[in-house]
Amino acid sequence: MYKWILYIMIILCAVIWSCDKESPMEYRILEQSSSAIQKLPDGTQWSIAVLDSQRLEYAGLIKEKFGVQSIDNKGTLFEIGSITKLLTSTLLAEMVIVGKLKLDDRVFASSSVTYRDLAQHTSGLERSILDYKVQLGVEEINDFEFDEAFLSSMELILGSVEKGNYAYSNLGYQLLGRVLAEREGKSYETLLKEYIFSKVGMNHTYLKRFNTFEEELAMGQDREGYSITTVDSEYLYAAAGILSTTVDMMKFIQYYLKNGEVMKLMSQEVLYSTDTEGISLGWHIMKTDATSDDIYWWHNGGTLGYRSCIVVDILHQRVVFINTNTSVTHSHENLIDRVASDLILDLN
């Protein structure tokens, strides 16, 4: 036991000494993260940002064979997984605000499912399109073309399901991105650039495509720590298909914290499932207790080679964001969420 404690202390000291004049906040970030990353494979990178009111700090860690080192990886690309849904729901909110559509507009005339239903995971759709492989006559995602045939199939499926309570659906968000693009006659990627990336200044955020951006990308790892290539599937685009940097994601959240029209709309659209848990447009909402004013907005993301998490305290303008190349299949993948939660609570 004492050897293990001593080992962690030595690693933490090595990380801290490798940082040039670290700030107290950066010290806390490293202190919270260093022991956690030890449980992950060699080659693991964590890219962390913490915003406390107007003060923003970045810290990066890499676990190597002989210990944990500090690394400047705030500009490195990672898959952000399902945090992509926050970009899709923000795109929806932006289009509502400029009058392109209403949240209660039906997605298809033949179904009662609305844009709000898709954004809040209450459409009745199952988690994946493969839950409908019998109806669609497909075995794998890549067997299906995500074009007009996708929309026609979704219209049929939505006509056969009952809207219900919250049920997380990747398929719902893929459909949301697709119908927004169809409505505007532009690609999902073009809409993101026009409504979000260009005005926020997100110059290093992309749809992931096979063998692209390799020089800027932290190589994903499987559960054993072996390198894994980026999956390219149009199905994932609006649900989990974005590559981004920690810098760009902090630009995103800082912009919308300062320009509150989108966040105001999202705050008005919270659907609580319990006294302490709810869902807005994309964001999960958590209260510390039923009567508390401490409300945290959060989402995480996970792919075969990456794991991410964002937690936001809107009232106090605090944010923690973590990008990693840890596989969602790793037994300790939940450490990313735990460290993010600990860091934001530590700011109180």
Protein backbone atom coordinates (compact mmCIF):
# COMPACT_ATOMS: atom_id res chain seq x y z
CA MET A 1 0.00 0.00 0.00
CA TYR A 2 2.76 2.44 1.02
CA LYS A 3 4.73 1.60 -2.11
CA TRP A 4 1.68 2.45 -4.24
CA ILE A 5 1.16 5.80 -2.46
CA LEU A 6 4.85 6.62 -2.87
CA TYR A 7 4.67 5.68 -6.57
CA ILE A 8 1.74 8.03 -7.18
CA MET A 9 3.50 10.86 -5.30
CA ILE A 10 6.63 10.42 -7.41
CA ILE A 11 4.60 10.48 -10.63
CA LEU A 12 2.65 13.55 -9.55
CA CYS A 13 5.88 15.34 -8.65
CA ALA A 14 7.37 14.44 -12.04
CA VAL A 15 4.33 15.85 -13.83
CA ILE A 16 4.34 19.05 -11.81
CA TRP A 17 8.09 19.58 -12.21
CA SER A 18 7.71 19.13 -15.98
CA CYS A 19 5.38 22.16 -16.10
CA ASP A 20 6.95 25.58 -16.35
CA LYS A 21 5.55 27.85 -13.62
CA GLU A 22 2.18 26.14 -13.41
CA SER A 23 -0.68 28.16 -11.94
CA PRO A 24 -2.60 27.03 -8.84
CA MET A 25 -5.49 26.00 -11.10
CA GLU A 26 -3.18 24.01 -13.37
CA TYR A 27 -1.72 22.36 -10.26
CA ARG A 28 -5.23 21.25 -9.22
CA ILE A 29 -5.93 19.93 -12.71
CA LEU A 30 -2.74 17.86 -12.68
CA GLU A 31 -3.34 16.68 -9.13
CA GLN A 32 -6.85 15.41 -10.00
CA SER A 33 -5.80 13.80 -13.28
CA SER A 34 -2.41 12.19 -12.73
CA SER A 35 -3.47 9.23 -10.60
CA ALA A 36 -6.42 8.53 -12.92
CA ILE A 37 -4.36 8.40 -16.11
CA GLN A 38 -2.06 5.84 -14.46
CA LYS A 39 -4.85 3.27 -14.80
CA LEU A 40 -4.90 3.67 -18.58
CA PRO A 41 -2.58 2.30 -21.30
CA ASP A 42 0.75 3.83 -22.31
CA GLY A 43 0.22 6.44 -25.00
CA THR A 44 -2.93 7.77 -23.35
CA GLN A 45 -3.38 11.52 -23.73
CA TRP A 46 -5.67 13.79 -21.76
CA SER A 47 -6.28 17.35 -22.94
CA ILE A 48 -8.04 19.36 -20.25
CA ALA A 49 -9.52 22.85 -20.06
CA VAL A 50 -10.98 24.55 -17.00
CA LEU A 51 -12.85 27.86 -17.13
CA ASP A 52 -13.59 29.63 -13.85
CA SER A 53 -15.55 32.77 -14.67
CA GLN A 54 -13.23 34.55 -17.14
CA ARG A 55 -10.05 32.62 -16.31
CA LEU A 56 -9.23 29.78 -18.68
CA GLU A 57 -6.48 27.24 -18.07
CA TYR A 58 -5.30 24.33 -20.21
CA ALA A 59 -3.33 21.28 -19.14
CA GLY A 60 -2.21 18.21 -21.03
CA LEU A 61 -0.95 14.83 -19.88
CA ILE A 62 0.52 11.83 -21.66
CA LYS A 63 1.25 8.49 -20.03
CA GLU A 64 4.49 7.03 -21.30
CA LYS A 65 6.41 3.91 -20.41
CA PHE A 66 8.40 5.58 -17.67
CA GLY A 67 5.72 7.84 -16.24
CA VAL A 68 3.30 10.68 -16.86
CA GLN A 69 4.51 13.82 -18.58
CA SER A 70 3.02 17.22 -19.24
CA ILE A 71 2.22 17.86 -22.91
CA ASP A 72 0.83 20.82 -24.85
CA ASN A 73 -2.05 19.09 -26.64
CA LYS A 74 -4.76 21.73 -26.45
CA GLY A 75 -4.56 22.07 -30.25
CA THR A 76 -4.56 18.33 -30.94
CA LEU A 77 -7.56 16.73 -32.65
CA PHE A 78 -9.63 14.07 -30.87
CA GLU A 79 -12.91 12.40 -31.70
CA ILE A 80 -15.48 14.01 -29.37
CA GLY A 81 -18.05 11.26 -29.86
CA SER A 82 -21.55 12.10 -28.68
CA ILE A 83 -20.59 15.62 -27.66
CA THR A 84 -21.24 16.12 -31.37
CA LYS A 85 -24.92 16.14 -30.36
CA LEU A 86 -24.37 19.48 -28.60
CA LEU A 87 -23.27 20.97 -31.91
CA THR A 88 -26.33 19.48 -33.63
CA SER A 89 -28.73 20.77 -30.95
CA THR A 90 -27.05 24.19 -31.08
CA LEU A 91 -27.54 24.20 -34.85
CA LEU A 92 -31.22 23.46 -34.25
CA ALA A 93 -31.49 26.28 -31.69
CA GLU A 94 -29.80 28.74 -34.03
CA MET A 95 -32.24 27.87 -36.82
CA VAL A 96 -35.19 28.31 -34.43
CA ILE A 97 -33.93 31.71 -33.30
CA VAL A 98 -33.61 33.04 -36.86
CA GLY A 99 -37.09 31.75 -37.71
CA LYS A 100 -36.19 28.86 -40.02
CA LEU A 101 -38.40 26.47 -38.05
CA LYS A 102 -40.14 25.89 -34.72
CA LEU A 103 -39.32 23.23 -32.17
CA ASP A 104 -42.85 21.88 -32.39
CA ASP A 105 -42.81 21.58 -36.18
CA ARG A 106 -43.29 17.99 -37.29
CA VAL A 107 -40.26 16.30 -38.80
CA PHE A 108 -42.55 14.54 -41.30
CA ALA A 109 -46.18 15.37 -42.05
CA SER A 110 -47.12 11.72 -41.55
CA SER A 111 -45.76 11.55 -38.00
CA SER A 112 -46.37 13.50 -34.78
CA VAL A 113 -42.63 13.47 -33.94
CA THR A 114 -41.20 17.00 -33.71
CA TYR A 115 -37.74 18.54 -33.76
CA ARG A 116 -38.06 18.97 -30.00
CA ASP A 117 -38.70 15.23 -29.64
CA LEU A 118 -35.54 14.35 -31.56
CA ALA A 119 -33.43 16.87 -29.62
CA GLN A 120 -34.72 15.69 -26.23
CA HIS A 121 -34.56 11.95 -27.00
CA THR A 122 -38.32 11.53 -26.62
CA SER A 123 -39.16 10.54 -30.21
CA GLY A 124 -39.65 6.87 -29.41
CA LEU A 125 -36.77 5.88 -31.68
CA GLU A 126 -34.44 3.12 -30.51
CA ARG A 127 -30.77 3.83 -29.85
CA SER A 128 -29.39 2.65 -33.21
CA ILE A 129 -30.55 2.12 -36.75
CA LEU A 130 -29.49 -1.51 -36.31
CA ASP A 131 -32.44 -1.90 -33.95
CA TYR A 132 -34.50 -1.67 -37.15
CA LYS A 133 -32.35 -3.88 -39.35
CA VAL A 134 -35.19 -6.32 -39.98
CA GLN A 135 -37.53 -3.55 -41.20
CA LEU A 136 -34.75 -1.98 -43.27
CA GLY A 137 -33.26 -5.20 -44.57
CA VAL A 138 -29.69 -4.38 -43.50
CA GLU A 139 -27.12 -6.16 -41.37
CA GLU A 140 -24.49 -3.47 -40.86
CA ILE A 141 -24.57 0.33 -40.81
CA ASN A 142 -22.41 0.50 -43.92
CA ASP A 143 -25.01 -1.55 -45.82
CA PHE A 144 -27.38 1.40 -45.78
CA GLU A 145 -27.17 4.57 -47.85
CA PHE A 146 -27.89 7.70 -45.82
CA ASP A 147 -29.59 9.69 -48.54
CA GLU A 148 -33.22 10.13 -49.55
CA ALA A 149 -33.76 6.43 -48.82
CA PHE A 150 -32.75 7.09 -45.22
CA LEU A 151 -35.37 9.83 -44.88
CA SER A 152 -38.05 7.65 -46.46
CA SER A 153 -37.23 4.77 -44.14
CA MET A 154 -37.23 7.05 -41.10
CA GLU A 155 -40.62 8.43 -42.08
CA LEU A 156 -42.01 4.89 -42.14
CA ILE A 157 -40.39 4.00 -38.83
CA LEU A 158 -41.60 7.16 -37.07
CA GLY A 159 -45.08 6.35 -38.24
CA SER A 160 -44.90 3.05 -36.37
CA VAL A 161 -43.42 4.14 -33.01
CA GLU A 162 -45.04 5.83 -30.05
CA LYS A 163 -43.51 8.95 -28.57
CA GLY A 164 -42.59 8.36 -24.99
CA ASN A 165 -40.31 9.21 -22.14
CA TYR A 166 -36.61 9.94 -22.44
CA ALA A 167 -34.71 7.20 -24.27
CA TYR A 168 -31.24 8.08 -25.56
CA SER A 169 -31.08 7.71 -29.34
CA ASN A 170 -28.08 8.09 -31.64
CA LEU A 171 -30.47 7.41 -34.49
CA GLY A 172 -32.66 10.34 -33.45
CA TYR A 173 -29.73 12.73 -33.71
CA GLN A 174 -28.57 11.35 -37.03
CA LEU A 175 -32.09 11.94 -38.31
CA LEU A 176 -32.13 15.44 -36.80
CA GLY A 177 -28.94 16.44 -38.61
CA ARG A 178 -30.19 14.91 -41.84
CA VAL A 179 -33.59 16.63 -41.85
CA LEU A 180 -32.05 20.01 -40.98
CA ALA A 181 -29.70 19.61 -43.95
CA GLU A 182 -32.56 18.52 -46.21
CA ARG A 183 -34.66 21.47 -45.11
CA GLU A 184 -31.94 23.95 -46.05
CA GLY A 185 -30.75 22.12 -49.15
CA LYS A 186 -27.20 22.04 -47.79
CA SER A 187 -24.97 19.44 -46.17
CA TYR A 188 -24.83 19.05 -42.39
CA GLU A 189 -21.19 20.12 -42.51
CA THR A 190 -22.04 23.30 -44.42
CA LEU A 191 -24.74 24.19 -41.88
CA LEU A 192 -22.31 23.77 -39.00
CA LYS A 193 -19.83 26.06 -40.74
CA GLU A 194 -22.44 28.73 -41.51
CA TYR A 195 -24.32 28.76 -38.20
CA ILE A 196 -21.58 27.89 -35.69
CA PHE A 197 -17.98 27.42 -36.81
CA SER A 198 -17.57 30.68 -38.72
CA LYS A 199 -18.92 33.00 -36.01
CA VAL A 200 -17.38 31.12 -33.09
CA GLY A 201 -13.99 30.83 -34.77
CA MET A 202 -13.81 27.04 -34.67
CA ASN A 203 -11.14 26.62 -37.32
CA HIS A 204 -10.01 23.14 -36.29
CA THR A 205 -13.26 21.21 -36.04
CA TYR A 206 -14.21 18.76 -38.76
CA LEU A 207 -16.36 15.83 -39.73
CA LYS A 208 -14.17 12.78 -39.32
CA ARG A 209 -13.17 10.94 -42.44
CA PHE A 210 -10.92 7.93 -42.83
CA ASN A 211 -7.18 8.73 -42.96
CA THR A 212 -7.62 12.50 -42.78
CA PHE A 213 -6.00 14.97 -40.37
CA GLU A 214 -3.62 12.23 -39.17
CA GLU A 215 -0.77 14.64 -38.42
CA GLU A 216 -3.01 16.69 -36.11
CA LEU A 217 -4.81 13.73 -34.54
CA ALA A 218 -4.11 11.98 -31.26
CA MET A 219 -4.13 8.33 -32.29
CA GLY A 220 -7.10 6.53 -30.81
CA GLN A 221 -6.54 3.46 -28.64
CA ASP A 222 -8.56 0.31 -28.16
CA ARG A 223 -9.18 -1.22 -24.73
CA GLU A 224 -5.72 -2.85 -24.75
CA GLY A 225 -3.94 0.34 -25.78
CA TYR A 226 -3.35 -0.61 -29.41
CA SER A 227 -3.78 2.08 -32.06
CA ILE A 228 -7.15 2.21 -33.75
CA THR A 229 -8.12 4.13 -36.89
CA THR A 230 -10.92 6.65 -37.16
CA VAL A 231 -14.24 5.17 -38.21
CA ASP A 232 -15.78 6.91 -41.22
CA SER A 233 -19.55 6.50 -41.38
CA GLU A 234 -22.08 9.06 -42.51
CA TYR A 235 -24.45 7.54 -39.96
CA LEU A 236 -22.31 8.98 -37.17
CA TYR A 237 -22.01 12.54 -38.46
CA ALA A 238 -24.73 14.42 -36.54
CA ALA A 239 -24.67 12.02 -33.59
CA ALA A 240 -20.99 11.33 -32.95
CA GLY A 241 -18.95 12.26 -36.02
CA ILE A 242 -16.92 15.34 -35.09
CA LEU A 243 -13.17 15.78 -34.61
CA SER A 244 -12.21 18.82 -32.55
CA THR A 245 -9.55 20.33 -30.34
CA THR A 246 -9.86 21.39 -26.72
CA VAL A 247 -9.25 25.00 -27.80
CA ASP A 248 -12.10 24.91 -30.32
CA MET A 249 -14.52 23.31 -27.89
CA MET A 250 -13.77 26.00 -25.32
CA LYS A 251 -14.36 28.65 -27.99
CA PHE A 252 -17.72 27.01 -28.60
CA ILE A 253 -18.91 26.98 -25.00
CA GLN A 254 -17.48 30.41 -24.14
CA TYR A 255 -19.22 31.97 -27.12
CA TYR A 256 -22.61 30.61 -26.14
CA LEU A 257 -22.15 31.46 -22.46
CA LYS A 258 -21.54 35.09 -23.47
CA ASN A 259 -24.14 35.23 -26.24
CA GLY A 260 -27.01 33.93 -24.22
CA GLU A 261 -29.88 33.67 -26.71
CA VAL A 262 -29.20 30.02 -27.51
CA MET A 263 -28.60 29.09 -23.87
CA LYS A 264 -31.74 30.97 -22.86
CA LEU A 265 -33.77 28.91 -25.33
CA MET A 266 -32.18 25.71 -24.08
CA SER A 267 -32.82 26.70 -20.46
CA GLN A 268 -36.50 27.09 -21.25
CA GLU A 269 -36.66 23.63 -22.79
CA VAL A 270 -35.62 21.45 -19.84
CA LEU A 271 -37.67 18.29 -19.40
CA TYR A 272 -37.11 16.84 -15.92
CA SER A 273 -37.43 13.08 -15.46
CA THR A 274 -36.76 13.30 -11.70
CA ASP A 275 -36.37 16.10 -9.16
CA THR A 276 -32.66 16.29 -9.93
CA GLU A 277 -32.20 15.04 -13.52
CA GLY A 278 -33.43 16.30 -16.85
CA ILE A 279 -32.72 16.84 -20.53
CA SER A 280 -32.60 20.08 -22.50
CA LEU A 281 -31.90 20.29 -26.23
CA GLY A 282 -29.02 17.85 -26.26
CA TRP A 283 -27.66 18.70 -22.82
CA HIS A 284 -28.18 16.51 -19.77
CA ILE A 285 -29.14 18.52 -16.69
CA MET A 286 -28.25 17.60 -13.11
CA LYS A 287 -29.06 19.33 -9.81
CA THR A 288 -27.19 18.58 -6.60
CA ASP A 289 -30.61 18.33 -4.91
CA ALA A 290 -34.22 19.20 -5.73
CA THR A 291 -34.13 22.69 -4.15
CA SER A 292 -30.60 23.67 -5.13
CA ASP A 293 -29.66 26.48 -7.49
CA ASP A 294 -26.53 24.52 -8.39
CA ILE A 295 -27.42 23.13 -11.81
CA TYR A 296 -24.86 21.39 -13.99
CA TRP A 297 -25.19 20.88 -17.74
CA TRP A 298 -23.16 17.97 -19.05
CA HIS A 299 -22.56 15.50 -21.82
CA ASN A 300 -19.95 12.88 -22.55
CA GLY A 301 -18.77 11.14 -25.66
CA GLY A 302 -17.27 7.77 -26.40
CA THR A 303 -16.05 5.95 -29.49
CA LEU A 304 -13.91 2.86 -29.97
CA GLY A 305 -10.76 4.97 -29.64
CA TYR A 306 -11.74 8.11 -27.75
CA ARG A 307 -13.58 9.41 -24.68
CA SER A 308 -14.60 12.98 -23.77
CA CYS A 309 -16.65 14.89 -21.23
CA ILE A 310 -17.94 18.43 -20.70
CA VAL A 311 -19.53 19.83 -17.53
CA VAL A 312 -20.89 23.39 -17.31
CA ASP A 313 -22.02 25.45 -14.33
CA ILE A 314 -23.91 28.17 -16.20
CA LEU A 315 -24.78 30.25 -13.13
CA HIS A 316 -21.13 30.72 -12.16
CA GLN A 317 -19.70 30.55 -15.72
CA ARG A 318 -17.56 27.50 -14.98
CA VAL A 319 -16.62 24.78 -17.45
CA VAL A 320 -14.52 21.63 -17.47
CA PHE A 321 -13.79 19.92 -20.76
CA ILE A 322 -11.67 16.79 -21.24
CA ASN A 323 -10.57 15.22 -24.54
CA THR A 324 -8.85 11.80 -24.41
CA ASN A 325 -7.80 8.97 -26.68
CA THR A 326 -9.16 6.41 -24.19
CA SER A 327 -11.50 3.83 -25.66
CA VAL A 328 -15.10 3.79 -24.46
CA THR A 329 -14.59 0.01 -24.15
CA HIS A 330 -11.81 0.37 -21.55
CA SER A 331 -12.76 -0.79 -18.06
CA HIS A 332 -11.74 2.58 -16.58
CA GLU A 333 -13.31 4.83 -19.23
CA ASN A 334 -15.62 6.37 -16.60
CA LEU A 335 -12.60 8.01 -14.96
CA ILE A 336 -12.92 10.85 -17.47
CA ASP A 337 -16.41 11.74 -16.22
CA ARG A 338 -15.31 11.37 -12.61
CA VAL A 339 -12.32 13.70 -12.99
CA ALA A 340 -14.44 16.28 -14.87
CA SER A 341 -17.04 16.23 -12.06
CA ASP A 342 -14.38 16.47 -9.36
CA LEU A 343 -12.71 19.40 -11.09
CA ILE A 344 -15.88 21.47 -11.44
CA LEU A 345 -16.96 20.76 -7.87
CA ASP A 346 -13.49 21.78 -6.73
CA LEU A 347 -14.11 25.23 -8.21
CA ASN A 348 -16.97 25.91 -5.76
